[in-house]
């Protein structure tokens, strides 16, 4: 690997990748928080099979994951992830 003026873009690309990761983390966190809020607000209307039981892998956990995934997709579709 050669260092010097011939390869100035390497550090710029690494910094951009690091910023991209941090940005994606915050967007993912927002989608998870919104998705969980949506799931727990709808929890009382779900049938007993669709309600999550703590410390168990069940259909409620799958529905919760689906809510978070839908929120992530909606935020991406609304260009909320767009660079400023």
Protein backbone atom coordinates (compact mmCIF):
# COMPACT_ATOMS: atom_id res chain seq x y z
CA UNK A 1 0.00 0.00 0.00
CA UNK A 2 1.38 3.34 -1.00
CA UNK A 3 0.85 6.48 1.03
CA UNK A 4 1.16 10.02 -0.16
CA UNK A 5 -0.49 12.59 -2.38
CA UNK A 6 -1.45 10.00 -4.97
CA UNK A 7 -4.14 8.53 -2.66
CA UNK A 8 -5.77 11.43 -0.78
CA UNK A 9 -9.32 10.09 -1.14
CA UNK A 10 -8.83 7.03 1.08
CA UNK A 11 -9.24 8.88 4.37
CA UNK A 12 -12.16 10.90 3.00
CA UNK A 13 -13.97 7.69 2.04
CA UNK A 14 -13.32 6.15 5.45
CA UNK A 15 -14.72 9.24 7.21
CA UNK A 16 -17.77 9.22 4.94
CA UNK A 17 -18.36 5.53 5.67
CA UNK A 18 -18.14 6.20 9.42
CA UNK A 19 -20.65 9.08 9.15
CA UNK A 20 -22.93 6.87 7.07
CA UNK A 21 -22.86 4.18 9.76
CA UNK A 22 -23.71 6.65 12.51
CA UNK A 23 -26.53 8.11 10.43
CA UNK A 24 -27.95 4.67 9.69
CA UNK A 25 -27.76 3.79 13.38
CA UNK A 26 -29.91 6.77 14.34
CA UNK A 27 -32.40 6.06 11.57
CA UNK A 28 -32.63 2.42 12.60
CA UNK A 29 -33.09 3.43 16.23
CA UNK A 30 -35.90 5.81 15.26
CA UNK A 31 -37.61 3.07 13.24
CA UNK A 32 -37.36 0.61 16.14
CA UNK A 33 -38.73 3.12 18.66
CA UNK A 34 -41.61 4.12 16.41
CA UNK A 35 -42.32 0.48 15.50
CA UNK A 36 -42.35 -0.60 19.15
CA UNK A 37 -44.63 2.30 20.05
CA UNK A 38 -46.97 1.23 17.26
CA UNK A 39 -46.92 -2.42 18.35
CA UNK A 40 -47.52 -1.71 22.03
CA UNK A 41 -50.32 0.73 21.23
CA UNK A 42 -52.02 -2.01 19.16
CA UNK A 43 -51.17 -4.79 21.62
CA UNK A 44 -54.50 -4.75 23.46
CA UNK A 45 -56.39 -5.18 20.15
CA UNK A 46 -54.39 -8.22 19.04
CA UNK A 47 -55.59 -11.77 19.64
CA UNK A 48 -53.79 -13.61 22.48
CA UNK A 49 -51.56 -15.43 19.97
CA UNK A 50 -50.31 -12.07 18.64
CA UNK A 51 -49.31 -10.70 22.04
CA UNK A 52 -45.68 -10.97 23.02
CA UNK A 53 -44.78 -12.92 26.15
CA UNK A 54 -41.50 -11.70 27.69
CA UNK A 55 -38.49 -14.01 27.28
CA UNK A 56 -40.26 -16.16 24.67
CA UNK A 57 -39.97 -16.37 20.91
CA UNK A 58 -43.56 -16.13 19.71
CA UNK A 59 -45.82 -14.55 17.10
CA UNK A 60 -45.95 -11.33 19.09
CA UNK A 61 -42.23 -10.91 18.60
CA UNK A 62 -42.65 -11.49 14.85
CA UNK A 63 -45.43 -8.88 14.68
CA UNK A 64 -43.28 -6.41 16.63
CA UNK A 65 -40.38 -6.99 14.22
CA UNK A 66 -42.72 -6.51 11.26
CA UNK A 67 -43.95 -3.18 12.70
CA UNK A 68 -40.36 -1.96 13.05
CA UNK A 69 -39.52 -3.09 9.52
CA UNK A 70 -42.57 -1.30 8.10
CA UNK A 71 -41.61 1.89 9.96
CA UNK A 72 -38.07 1.67 8.59
CA UNK A 73 -39.44 1.26 5.08
CA UNK A 74 -41.88 4.14 5.47
CA UNK A 75 -39.17 6.45 6.78
CA UNK A 76 -36.94 5.50 3.86
CA UNK A 77 -39.82 5.97 1.41
CA UNK A 78 -40.54 9.42 2.80
CA UNK A 79 -36.88 10.35 2.15
CA UNK A 80 -36.33 10.85 5.86
CA UNK A 81 -32.91 9.23 5.41
CA UNK A 82 -31.94 11.72 2.73
CA UNK A 83 -28.57 13.39 3.18
CA UNK A 84 -28.72 17.05 3.99
